[in-house]
Amino acid sequence: MKTLAILGSTGSIGESALKVVNEFPEKFRVKALAAGLRADRALEQAKLLGAEIVAVAREEDAKRLRGELPGVEVLHGEDGLLRVATAEGVQMVLSSIVGAAGLKP
């Protein structure tokens, strides 16, 4: 089983990747997710997949998600994105972040 981190999980490429993960649960496990401004969708994904780490763009969204995801490490901004990309135990990182924001991780 491959342990994954998905950067850009709420975009079209991230959503497509998660469909594959859901079709093959014996092959993939999502440990960490990073989303931009679609925090509500990231919340749904985290609950569905049992993600241990979630990062969103805005601090206010991260604060709200912390209340809704007990036991999950919820972060924001570039530091959160880097934490998702470098999470211990992750074997594969899928980066589907558009533009310069996706270059650093």
PDB file of N, CA and C in Angstrom:
ATOM      1  N   MET A   1       0.839  -1.176   0.000  1.00  0.00           N
ATOM      2  CA  MET A   1       0.000   0.000   0.000  1.00  0.00           C
ATOM      3  C   MET A   1       0.888   1.244   0.000  1.00  0.00           C
ATOM      4  N   LYS A   2       0.567   2.192  -0.870  1.00  0.00           N
ATOM      5  CA  LYS A   2       1.290   3.465  -0.963  1.00  0.00           C
ATOM      6  C   LYS A   2       0.593   4.508  -0.090  1.00  0.00           C
ATOM      7  N   THR A   3       1.391   5.234   0.672  1.00  0.00           N
ATOM      8  CA  THR A   3       0.882   6.325   1.493  1.00  0.00           C
ATOM      9  C   THR A   3       1.133   7.627   0.745  1.00  0.00           C
ATOM     10  N   LEU A   4       0.068   8.423   0.574  1.00  0.00           N
ATOM     11  CA  LEU A   4       0.109   9.596  -0.293  1.00  0.00           C
ATOM     12  C   LEU A   4      -0.097  10.909   0.444  1.00  0.00           C
ATOM     13  N   ALA A   5       0.447  11.962  -0.148  1.00  0.00           N
ATOM     14  CA  ALA A   5       0.108  13.345   0.178  1.00  0.00           C
ATOM     15  C   ALA A   5      -0.361  13.974  -1.127  1.00  0.00           C
ATOM     16  N   ILE A   6      -1.475  14.672  -1.067  1.00  0.00           N
ATOM     17  CA  ILE A   6      -2.035  15.301  -2.262  1.00  0.00           C
ATOM     18  C   ILE A   6      -2.012  16.811  -2.066  1.00  0.00           C
ATOM     19  N   LEU A   7      -1.255  17.505  -2.903  1.00  0.00           N
ATOM     20  CA  LEU A   7      -1.212  18.965  -2.890  1.00  0.00           C
ATOM     21  C   LEU A   7      -2.153  19.467  -3.970  1.00  0.00           C
ATOM     22  N   GLY A   8      -3.098  20.299  -3.591  1.00  0.00           N
ATOM     23  CA  GLY A   8      -4.107  20.745  -4.544  1.00  0.00           C
ATOM     24  C   GLY A   8      -5.263  19.765  -4.621  1.00  0.00           C
ATOM     25  N   SER A   9      -5.638  19.210  -3.484  1.00  0.00           N
ATOM     26  CA  SER A   9      -6.633  18.126  -3.459  1.00  0.00           C
ATOM     27  C   SER A   9      -8.025  18.546  -3.900  1.00  0.00           C
ATOM     28  N   THR A  10      -8.350  19.833  -3.830  1.00  0.00           N
ATOM     29  CA  THR A  10      -9.698  20.264  -4.191  1.00  0.00           C
ATOM     30  C   THR A  10      -9.819  20.741  -5.634  1.00  0.00           C
ATOM     31  N   GLY A  11      -8.720  20.760  -6.352  1.00  0.00           N
ATOM     32  CA  GLY A  11      -8.756  21.125  -7.767  1.00  0.00           C
ATOM     33  C   GLY A  11      -9.114  19.923  -8.627  1.00  0.00           C
ATOM     34  N   SER A  12      -9.207  20.125  -9.918  1.00  0.00           N
ATOM     35  CA  SER A  12      -9.653  19.044 -10.807  1.00  0.00           C
ATOM     36  C   SER A  12      -8.689  17.859 -10.817  1.00  0.00           C
ATOM     37  N   ILE A  13      -7.392  18.109 -10.823  1.00  0.00           N
ATOM     38  CA  ILE A  13      -6.425  17.005 -10.822  1.00  0.00           C
ATOM     39  C   ILE A  13      -6.445  16.285  -9.480  1.00  0.00           C
ATOM     40  N   GLY A  14      -6.484  17.050  -8.394  1.00  0.00           N
ATOM     41  CA  GLY A  14      -6.557  16.443  -7.068  1.00  0.00           C
ATOM     42  C   GLY A  14      -7.807  15.607  -6.888  1.00  0.00           C
ATOM     43  N   GLU A  15      -8.943  16.123  -7.331  1.00  0.00           N
ATOM     44  CA  GLU A  15     -10.207  15.373  -7.235  1.00  0.00           C
ATOM     45  C   GLU A  15     -10.136  14.091  -8.059  1.00  0.00           C
ATOM     46  N   SER A  16      -9.539  14.166  -9.239  1.00  0.00           N
ATOM     47  CA  SER A  16      -9.393  12.963 -10.072  1.00  0.00           C
ATOM     48  C   SER A  16      -8.503  11.933  -9.392  1.00  0.00           C
ATOM     49  N   ALA A  17      -7.427  12.397  -8.783  1.00  0.00           N
ATOM     50  CA  ALA A  17      -6.530  11.482  -8.064  1.00  0.00           C
ATOM     51  C   ALA A  17      -7.260  10.805  -6.912  1.00  0.00           C
ATOM     52  N   LEU A  18      -8.082  11.554  -6.205  1.00  0.00           N
ATOM     53  CA  LEU A  18      -8.807  10.980  -5.073  1.00  0.00           C
ATOM     54  C   LEU A  18      -9.870   9.977  -5.519  1.00  0.00           C
ATOM     55  N   LYS A  19     -10.408  10.152  -6.716  1.00  0.00           N
ATOM     56  CA  LYS A  19     -11.325   9.137  -7.255  1.00  0.00           C
ATOM     57  C   LYS A  19     -10.595   7.815  -7.440  1.00  0.00           C
ATOM     58  N   VAL A  20      -9.376   7.870  -7.940  1.00  0.00           N
ATOM     59  CA  VAL A  20      -8.564   6.657  -8.108  1.00  0.00           C
ATOM     60  C   VAL A  20      -8.277   6.030  -6.746  1.00  0.00           C
ATOM     61  N   VAL A  21      -7.915   6.846  -5.772  1.00  0.00           N
ATOM     62  CA  VAL A  21      -7.663   6.349  -4.413  1.00  0.00           C
ATOM     63  C   VAL A  21      -8.899   5.626  -3.879  1.00  0.00           C
ATOM     64  N   ASN A  22     -10.066   6.214  -4.077  1.00  0.00           N
ATOM     65  CA  ASN A  22     -11.308   5.599  -3.587  1.00  0.00           C
ATOM     66  C   ASN A  22     -11.637   4.302  -4.306  1.00  0.00           C
ATOM     67  N   GLU A  23     -11.223   4.184  -5.558  1.00  0.00           N
ATOM     68  CA  GLU A  23     -11.475   2.958  -6.313  1.00  0.00           C
ATOM     69  C   GLU A  23     -10.536   1.827  -5.914  1.00  0.00           C
ATOM     70  N   PHE A  24      -9.381   2.174  -5.345  1.00  0.00           N
ATOM     71  CA  PHE A  24      -8.375   1.173  -4.975  1.00  0.00           C
ATOM     72  C   PHE A  24      -7.906   1.370  -3.530  1.00  0.00           C
ATOM     73  N   PRO A  25      -8.822   1.226  -2.567  1.00  0.00           N
ATOM     74  CA  PRO A  25      -8.446   1.479  -1.169  1.00  0.00           C
ATOM     75  C   PRO A  25      -7.401   0.510  -0.629  1.00  0.00           C
ATOM     76  N   GLU A  26      -7.259  -0.628  -1.263  1.00  0.00           N
ATOM     77  CA  GLU A  26      -6.248  -1.594  -0.825  1.00  0.00           C
ATOM     78  C   GLU A  26      -4.850  -1.210  -1.314  1.00  0.00           C
ATOM     79  N   LYS A  27      -4.780  -0.259  -2.248  1.00  0.00           N
ATOM     80  CA  LYS A  27      -3.491   0.148  -2.816  1.00  0.00           C
ATOM     81  C   LYS A  27      -3.003   1.504  -2.319  1.00  0.00           C
ATOM     82  N   PHE A  28      -3.924   2.356  -1.867  1.00  0.00           N
ATOM     83  CA  PHE A  28      -3.559   3.726  -1.508  1.00  0.00           C
ATOM     84  C   PHE A  28      -4.181   4.155  -0.188  1.00  0.00           C
ATOM     85  N   ARG A  29      -3.411   4.953   0.544  1.00  0.00           N
ATOM     86  CA  ARG A  29      -3.895   5.598   1.765  1.00  0.00           C
ATOM     87  C   ARG A  29      -3.432   7.049   1.717  1.00  0.00           C
ATOM     88  N   VAL A  30      -4.346   7.972   1.955  1.00  0.00           N
ATOM     89  CA  VAL A  30      -4.004   9.394   1.952  1.00  0.00           C
ATOM     90  C   VAL A  30      -3.722   9.832   3.382  1.00  0.00           C
ATOM     91  N   LYS A  31      -2.496  10.244   3.623  1.00  0.00           N
ATOM     92  CA  LYS A  31      -2.104  10.721   4.950  1.00  0.00           C
ATOM     93  C   LYS A  31      -2.299  12.226   5.081  1.00  0.00           C
ATOM     94  N   ALA A  32      -2.048  12.959   3.999  1.00  0.00           N
ATOM     95  CA  ALA A  32      -2.040  14.419   4.087  1.00  0.00           C
ATOM     96  C   ALA A  32      -2.656  15.052   2.845  1.00  0.00           C
ATOM     97  N   LEU A  33      -3.383  16.146   3.078  1.00  0.00           N
ATOM     98  CA  LEU A  33      -4.038  16.893   2.007  1.00  0.00           C
ATOM     99  C   LEU A  33      -3.691  18.371   2.131  1.00  0.00           C
ATOM    100  N   ALA A  34      -3.515  19.018   0.999  1.00  0.00           N
ATOM    101  CA  ALA A  34      -3.355  20.474   0.978  1.00  0.00           C
ATOM    102  C   ALA A  34      -4.337  21.043  -0.034  1.00  0.00           C
ATOM    103  N   ALA A  35      -5.069  22.061   0.398  1.00  0.00           N
ATOM    104  CA  ALA A  35      -6.056  22.707  -0.461  1.00  0.00           C
ATOM    105  C   ALA A  35      -5.836  24.211  -0.407  1.00  0.00           C
ATOM    106  N   GLY A  36      -6.381  24.891  -1.354  1.00  0.00           N
ATOM    107  CA  GLY A  36      -6.279  26.346  -1.375  1.00  0.00           C
ATOM    108  C   GLY A  36      -7.424  26.988  -0.617  1.00  0.00           C
ATOM    109  N   LEU A  37      -8.355  27.560  -1.351  1.00  0.00           N
ATOM    110  CA  LEU A  37      -9.445  28.326  -0.749  1.00  0.00           C
ATOM    111  C   LEU A  37     -10.717  27.516  -0.525  1.00  0.00           C
ATOM    112  N   ARG A  38     -10.771  26.301  -1.011  1.00  0.00           N
ATOM    113  CA  ARG A  38     -11.985  25.477  -0.872  1.00  0.00           C
ATOM    114  C   ARG A  38     -11.906  24.632   0.405  1.00  0.00           C
ATOM    115  N   ALA A  39     -11.915  25.314   1.534  1.00  0.00           N
ATOM    116  CA  ALA A  39     -11.748  24.644   2.826  1.00  0.00           C
ATOM    117  C   ALA A  39     -12.881  23.665   3.120  1.00  0.00           C
ATOM    118  N   ASP A  40     -14.105  23.988   2.722  1.00  0.00           N
ATOM    119  CA  ASP A  40     -15.222  23.077   2.983  1.00  0.00           C
ATOM    120  C   ASP A  40     -15.033  21.754   2.250  1.00  0.00           C
ATOM    121  N   ARG A  41     -14.535  21.815   1.042  1.00  0.00           N
ATOM    122  CA  ARG A  41     -14.275  20.582   0.291  1.00  0.00           C
ATOM    123  C   ARG A  41     -13.108  19.819   0.918  1.00  0.00           C
ATOM    124  N   ALA A  42     -12.094  20.518   1.372  1.00  0.00           N
ATOM    125  CA  ALA A  42     -10.975  19.858   2.055  1.00  0.00           C
ATOM    126  C   ALA A  42     -11.458  19.153   3.318  1.00  0.00           C
ATOM    127  N   LEU A  43     -12.386  19.764   4.027  1.00  0.00           N
ATOM    128  CA  LEU A  43     -12.980  19.154   5.216  1.00  0.00           C
ATOM    129  C   LEU A  43     -13.671  17.844   4.855  1.00  0.00           C
ATOM    130  N   GLU A  44     -14.478  17.861   3.812  1.00  0.00           N
ATOM    131  CA  GLU A  44     -15.160  16.644   3.351  1.00  0.00           C
ATOM    132  C   GLU A  44     -14.149  15.561   2.989  1.00  0.00           C
ATOM    133  N   GLN A  45     -13.129  15.941   2.246  1.00  0.00           N
ATOM    134  CA  GLN A  45     -12.108  14.978   1.826  1.00  0.00           C
ATOM    135  C   GLN A  45     -11.389  14.377   3.033  1.00  0.00           C
ATOM    136  N   ALA A  46     -11.022  15.216   3.979  1.00  0.00           N
ATOM    137  CA  ALA A  46     -10.295  14.744   5.160  1.00  0.00           C
ATOM    138  C   ALA A  46     -11.127  13.742   5.950  1.00  0.00           C
ATOM    139  N   LYS A  47     -12.415  14.028   6.101  1.00  0.00           N
ATOM    140  CA  LYS A  47     -13.301  13.110   6.825  1.00  0.00           C
ATOM    141  C   LYS A  47     -13.455  11.794   6.070  1.00  0.00           C
ATOM    142  N   LEU A  48     -13.654  11.875   4.782  1.00  0.00           N
ATOM    143  CA  LEU A  48     -13.852  10.685   3.956  1.00  0.00           C
ATOM    144  C   LEU A  48     -12.615   9.794   3.930  1.00  0.00           C
ATOM    145  N   LEU A  49     -11.441  10.409   3.854  1.00  0.00           N
ATOM    146  CA  LEU A  49     -10.197   9.662   3.660  1.00  0.00           C
ATOM    147  C   LEU A  49      -9.436   9.377   4.950  1.00  0.00           C
ATOM    148  N   GLY A  50      -9.837  10.010   6.034  1.00  0.00           N
ATOM    149  CA  GLY A  50      -9.118   9.820   7.286  1.00  0.00           C
ATOM    150  C   GLY A  50      -7.737  10.444   7.285  1.00  0.00           C
ATOM    151  N   ALA A  51      -7.604  11.583   6.625  1.00  0.00           N
ATOM    152  CA  ALA A  51      -6.307  12.265   6.562  1.00  0.00           C
ATOM    153  C   ALA A  51      -5.850  12.678   7.958  1.00  0.00           C
ATOM    154  N   GLU A  52      -4.557  12.592   8.184  1.00  0.00           N
ATOM    155  CA  GLU A  52      -3.969  12.961   9.473  1.00  0.00           C
ATOM    156  C   GLU A  52      -3.487  14.405   9.500  1.00  0.00           C
ATOM    157  N   ILE A  53      -3.213  14.953   8.315  1.00  0.00           N
ATOM    158  CA  ILE A  53      -2.705  16.323   8.196  1.00  0.00           C
ATOM    159  C   ILE A  53      -3.476  17.010   7.071  1.00  0.00           C
ATOM    160  N   VAL A  54      -3.940  18.229   7.332  1.00  0.00           N
ATOM    161  CA  VAL A  54      -4.658  19.011   6.327  1.00  0.00           C
ATOM    162  C   VAL A  54      -4.119  20.433   6.367  1.00  0.00           C
ATOM    163  N   ALA A  55      -3.846  20.987   5.198  1.00  0.00           N
ATOM    164  CA  ALA A  55      -3.421  22.384   5.096  1.00  0.00           C
ATOM    165  C   ALA A  55      -4.357  23.121   4.150  1.00  0.00           C
ATOM    166  N   VAL A  56      -4.701  24.334   4.531  1.00  0.00           N
ATOM    167  CA  VAL A  56      -5.520  25.213   3.696  1.00  0.00           C
ATOM    168  C   VAL A  56      -4.803  26.557   3.583  1.00  0.00           C
ATOM    169  N   ALA A  57      -5.266  27.396   2.694  1.00  0.00           N
ATOM    170  CA  ALA A  57      -4.571  28.655   2.428  1.00  0.00           C
ATOM    171  C   ALA A  57      -4.712  29.665   3.563  1.00  0.00           C
ATOM    172  N   ARG A  58      -5.927  29.820   4.076  1.00  0.00           N
ATOM    173  CA  ARG A  58      -6.199  30.910   5.020  1.00  0.00           C
ATOM    174  C   ARG A  58      -6.221  30.450   6.478  1.00  0.00           C
ATOM    175  N   GLU A  59      -5.673  31.287   7.332  1.00  0.00           N
ATOM    176  CA  GLU A  59      -5.623  30.996   8.767  1.00  0.00           C
ATOM    177  C   GLU A  59      -7.019  30.830   9.358  1.00  0.00           C
ATOM    178  N   GLU A  60      -7.962  31.678   8.953  1.00  0.00           N
ATOM    179  CA  GLU A  60      -9.315  31.585   9.509  1.00  0.00           C
ATOM    180  C   GLU A  60      -9.984  30.258   9.148  1.00  0.00           C
ATOM    181  N   ASP A  61      -9.705  29.749   7.951  1.00  0.00           N
ATOM    182  CA  ASP A  61     -10.241  28.438   7.569  1.00  0.00           C
ATOM    183  C   ASP A  61      -9.598  27.332   8.399  1.00  0.00           C
ATOM    184  N   ALA A  62      -8.305  27.450   8.642  1.00  0.00           N
ATOM    185  CA  ALA A  62      -7.609  26.445   9.452  1.00  0.00           C
ATOM    186  C   ALA A  62      -8.184  26.403  10.864  1.00  0.00           C
ATOM    187  N   LYS A  63      -8.451  27.559  11.444  1.00  0.00           N
ATOM    188  CA  LYS A  63      -9.034  27.604  12.791  1.00  0.00           C
ATOM    189  C   LYS A  63     -10.379  26.893  12.824  1.00  0.00           C
ATOM    190  N   ARG A  64     -11.203  27.142  11.831  1.00  0.00           N
ATOM    191  CA  ARG A  64     -12.526  26.505  11.774  1.00  0.00           C
ATOM    192  C   ARG A  64     -12.401  24.996  11.600  1.00  0.00           C
ATOM    193  N   LEU A  65     -11.512  24.572  10.710  1.00  0.00           N
ATOM    194  CA  LEU A  65     -11.343  23.142  10.458  1.00  0.00           C
ATOM    195  C   LEU A  65     -10.792  22.405  11.673  1.00  0.00           C
ATOM    196  N   ARG A  66      -9.959  23.066  12.461  1.00  0.00           N
ATOM    197  CA  ARG A  66      -9.446  22.421  13.682  1.00  0.00           C
ATOM    198  C   ARG A  66     -10.596  21.990  14.586  1.00  0.00           C
ATOM    199  N   GLY A  67     -11.630  22.813  14.656  1.00  0.00           N
ATOM    200  CA  GLY A  67     -12.792  22.480  15.477  1.00  0.00           C
ATOM    201  C   GLY A  67     -13.606  21.332  14.918  1.00  0.00           C
ATOM    202  N   GLU A  68     -13.525  21.120  13.615  1.00  0.00           N
ATOM    203  CA  GLU A  68     -14.326  20.088  12.960  1.00  0.00           C
ATOM    204  C   GLU A  68     -13.548  18.809  12.676  1.00  0.00           C
ATOM    205  N   LEU A  69     -12.237  18.846  12.891  1.00  0.00           N
ATOM    206  CA  LEU A  69     -11.391  17.680  12.629  1.00  0.00           C
ATOM    207  C   LEU A  69     -10.534  17.357  13.859  1.00  0.00           C
ATOM    208  N   PRO A  70     -11.171  16.897  14.930  1.00  0.00           N
ATOM    209  CA  PRO A  70     -10.383  16.576  16.123  1.00  0.00           C
ATOM    210  C   PRO A  70      -9.365  15.474  15.831  1.00  0.00           C
ATOM    211  N   GLY A  71      -8.175  15.650  16.360  1.00  0.00           N
ATOM    212  CA  GLY A  71      -7.123  14.659  16.155  1.00  0.00           C
ATOM    213  C   GLY A  71      -6.360  14.813  14.857  1.00  0.00           C
ATOM    214  N   VAL A  72      -6.771  15.768  14.024  1.00  0.00           N
ATOM    215  CA  VAL A  72      -6.097  16.019  12.747  1.00  0.00           C
ATOM    216  C   VAL A  72      -5.236  17.272  12.900  1.00  0.00           C
ATOM    217  N   GLU A  73      -4.030  17.217  12.392  1.00  0.00           N
ATOM    218  CA  GLU A  73      -3.152  18.386  12.384  1.00  0.00           C
ATOM    219  C   GLU A  73      -3.605  19.291  11.238  1.00  0.00           C
ATOM    220  N   VAL A  74      -4.119  20.468  11.571  1.00  0.00           N
ATOM    221  CA  VAL A  74      -4.627  21.400  10.564  1.00  0.00           C
ATOM    222  C   VAL A  74      -3.740  22.638  10.557  1.00  0.00           C
ATOM    223  N   LEU A  75      -3.234  22.967   9.376  1.00  0.00           N
ATOM    224  CA  LEU A  75      -2.284  24.064   9.197  1.00  0.00           C
ATOM    225  C   LEU A  75      -2.770  24.997   8.098  1.00  0.00           C
ATOM    226  N   HIS A  76      -2.025  26.076   7.905  1.00  0.00           N
ATOM    227  CA  HIS A  76      -2.395  27.009   6.832  1.00  0.00           C
ATOM    228  C   HIS A  76      -1.151  27.605   6.188  1.00  0.00           C
ATOM    229  N   GLY A  77      -1.370  28.188   5.027  1.00  0.00           N
ATOM    230  CA  GLY A  77      -0.322  28.916   4.323  1.00  0.00           C
ATOM    231  C   GLY A  77       0.797  28.036   3.791  1.00  0.00           C
ATOM    232  N   GLU A  78       1.898  28.703   3.446  1.00  0.00           N
ATOM    233  CA  GLU A  78       3.035  28.007   2.850  1.00  0.00           C
ATOM    234  C   GLU A  78       3.647  26.984   3.806  1.00  0.00           C
ATOM    235  N   ASP A  79       3.715  27.323   5.088  1.00  0.00           N
ATOM    236  CA  ASP A  79       4.257  26.368   6.059  1.00  0.00           C
ATOM    237  C   ASP A  79       3.417  25.096   6.109  1.00  0.00           C
ATOM    238  N   GLY A  80       2.106  25.256   6.040  1.00  0.00           N
ATOM    239  CA  GLY A  80       1.225  24.092   6.025  1.00  0.00           C
ATOM    240  C   GLY A  80       1.432  23.244   4.787  1.00  0.00           C
ATOM    241  N   LEU A  81       1.582  23.908   3.672  1.00  0.00           N
ATOM    242  CA  LEU A  81       1.828  23.213   2.408  1.00  0.00           C
ATOM    243  C   LEU A  81       3.121  22.404   2.473  1.00  0.00           C
ATOM    244  N   LEU A  82       4.160  23.009   3.014  1.00  0.00           N
ATOM    245  CA  LEU A  82       5.440  22.306   3.147  1.00  0.00           C
ATOM    246  C   LEU A  82       5.335  21.129   4.114  1.00  0.00           C
ATOM    247  N   ARG A  83       4.566  21.295   5.173  1.00  0.00           N
ATOM    248  CA  ARG A  83       4.374  20.202   6.139  1.00  0.00           C
ATOM    249  C   ARG A  83       3.695  19.013   5.472  1.00  0.00           C
ATOM    250  N   VAL A  84       2.684  19.270   4.659  1.00  0.00           N
ATOM    251  CA  VAL A  84       2.003  18.195   3.933  1.00  0.00           C
ATOM    252  C   VAL A  84       2.979  17.506   2.983  1.00  0.00           C
ATOM    253  N   ALA A  85       3.748  18.295   2.253  1.00  0.00           N
ATOM    254  CA  ALA A  85       4.669  17.738   1.255  1.00  0.00           C
ATOM    255  C   ALA A  85       5.789  16.910   1.873  1.00  0.00           C
ATOM    256  N   THR A  86       6.109  17.179   3.139  1.00  0.00           N
ATOM    257  CA  THR A  86       7.230  16.489   3.782  1.00  0.00           C
ATOM    258  C   THR A  86       6.790  15.604   4.947  1.00  0.00           C
ATOM    259  N   ALA A  87       5.529  15.259   4.997  1.00  0.00           N
ATOM    260  CA  ALA A  87       5.001  14.461   6.112  1.00  0.00           C
ATOM    261  C   ALA A  87       5.709  13.114   6.212  1.00  0.00           C
ATOM    262  N   GLU A  88       6.068  12.766   7.426  1.00  0.00           N
ATOM    263  CA  GLU A  88       6.745  11.497   7.673  1.00  0.00           C
ATOM    264  C   GLU A  88       5.844  10.330   7.266  1.00  0.00           C
ATOM    265  N   GLY A  89       6.434   9.368   6.608  1.00  0.00           N
ATOM    266  CA  GLY A  89       5.699   8.179   6.202  1.00  0.00           C
ATOM    267  C   GLY A  89       5.059   8.260   4.832  1.00  0.00           C
ATOM    268  N   VAL A  90       5.040   9.455   4.249  1.00  0.00           N
ATOM    269  CA  VAL A  90       4.470   9.612   2.909  1.00  0.00           C
ATOM    270  C   VAL A  90       5.457   9.057   1.895  1.00  0.00           C
ATOM    271  N   GLN A  91       4.963   8.186   1.035  1.00  0.00           N
ATOM    272  CA  GLN A  91       5.804   7.559   0.021  1.00  0.00           C
ATOM    273  C   GLN A  91       5.719   8.248  -1.332  1.00  0.00           C
ATOM    274  N   MET A  92       4.619   8.963  -1.560  1.00  0.00           N
ATOM    275  CA  MET A  92       4.431   9.617  -2.854  1.00  0.00           C
ATOM    276  C   MET A  92       3.660  10.917  -2.640  1.00  0.00           C
ATOM    277  N   VAL A  93       4.132  11.986  -3.280  1.00  0.00           N
ATOM    278  CA  VAL A  93       3.461  13.279  -3.225  1.00  0.00           C
ATOM    279  C   VAL A  93       2.961  13.606  -4.621  1.00  0.00           C
ATOM    280  N   LEU A  94       1.665  13.883  -4.728  1.00  0.00           N
ATOM    281  CA  LEU A  94       1.087  14.347  -5.984  1.00  0.00           C
ATOM    282  C   LEU A  94       0.890  15.848  -5.847  1.00  0.00           C
ATOM    283  N   SER A  95       1.583  16.620  -6.656  1.00  0.00           N
ATOM    284  CA  SER A  95       1.458  18.070  -6.613  1.00  0.00           C
ATOM    285  C   SER A  95       0.674  18.546  -7.823  1.00  0.00           C
ATOM    286  N   SER A  96      -0.503  19.083  -7.555  1.00  0.00           N
ATOM    287  CA  SER A  96      -1.332  19.595  -8.645  1.00  0.00           C
ATOM    288  C   SER A  96      -1.688  21.055  -8.387  1.00  0.00           C
ATOM    289  N   ILE A  97      -0.752  21.784  -7.798  1.00  0.00           N
ATOM    290  CA  ILE A  97      -0.945  23.203  -7.521  1.00  0.00           C
ATOM    291  C   ILE A  97      -0.490  23.995  -8.744  1.00  0.00           C
ATOM    292  N   VAL A  98      -1.326  24.913  -9.171  1.00  0.00           N
ATOM    293  CA  VAL A  98      -1.061  25.685 -10.378  1.00  0.00           C
ATOM    294  C   VAL A  98      -0.166  26.880 -10.067  1.00  0.00           C
ATOM    295  N   GLY A  99       0.746  27.160 -10.967  1.00  0.00           N
ATOM    296  CA  GLY A  99       1.548  28.371 -10.893  1.00  0.00           C
ATOM    297  C   GLY A  99       2.704  28.308  -9.914  1.00  0.00           C
ATOM    298  N   ALA A 100       3.207  29.487  -9.557  1.00  0.00           N
ATOM    299  CA  ALA A 100       4.391  29.600  -8.709  1.00  0.00           C
ATOM    300  C   ALA A 100       4.180  29.017  -7.321  1.00  0.00           C
ATOM    301  N   ALA A 101       2.956  29.002  -6.826  1.00  0.00           N
ATOM    302  CA  ALA A 101       2.678  28.461  -5.491  1.00  0.00           C
ATOM    303  C   ALA A 101       3.068  26.992  -5.387  1.00  0.00           C
ATOM    304  N   GLY A 102       3.054  26.289  -6.492  1.00  0.00           N
ATOM    305  CA  GLY A 102       3.378  24.873  -6.477  1.00  0.00           C
ATOM    306  C   GLY A 102       4.847  24.552  -6.665  1.00  0.00           C
ATOM    307  N   LEU A 103       5.682  25.549  -6.858  1.00  0.00           N
ATOM    308  CA  LEU A 103       7.092  25.290  -7.134  1.00  0.00           C
ATOM    309  C   LEU A 103       7.902  24.914  -5.903  1.00  0.00           C
ATOM    310  N   LYS A 104       7.691  25.580  -4.793  1.00  0.00           N
ATOM    311  CA  LYS A 104       8.526  25.357  -3.614  1.00  0.00           C
ATOM    312  C   LYS A 104       8.377  23.958  -3.012  1.00  0.00           C
ATOM    313  N   PRO A 105       7.167  23.465  -2.779  1.00  0.00           N
ATOM    314  CA  PRO A 105       7.078  22.140  -2.157  1.00  0.00           C
ATOM    315  C   PRO A 105       7.654  21.071  -3.059  1.00  0.00           C
TER     316      PRO A 105
END
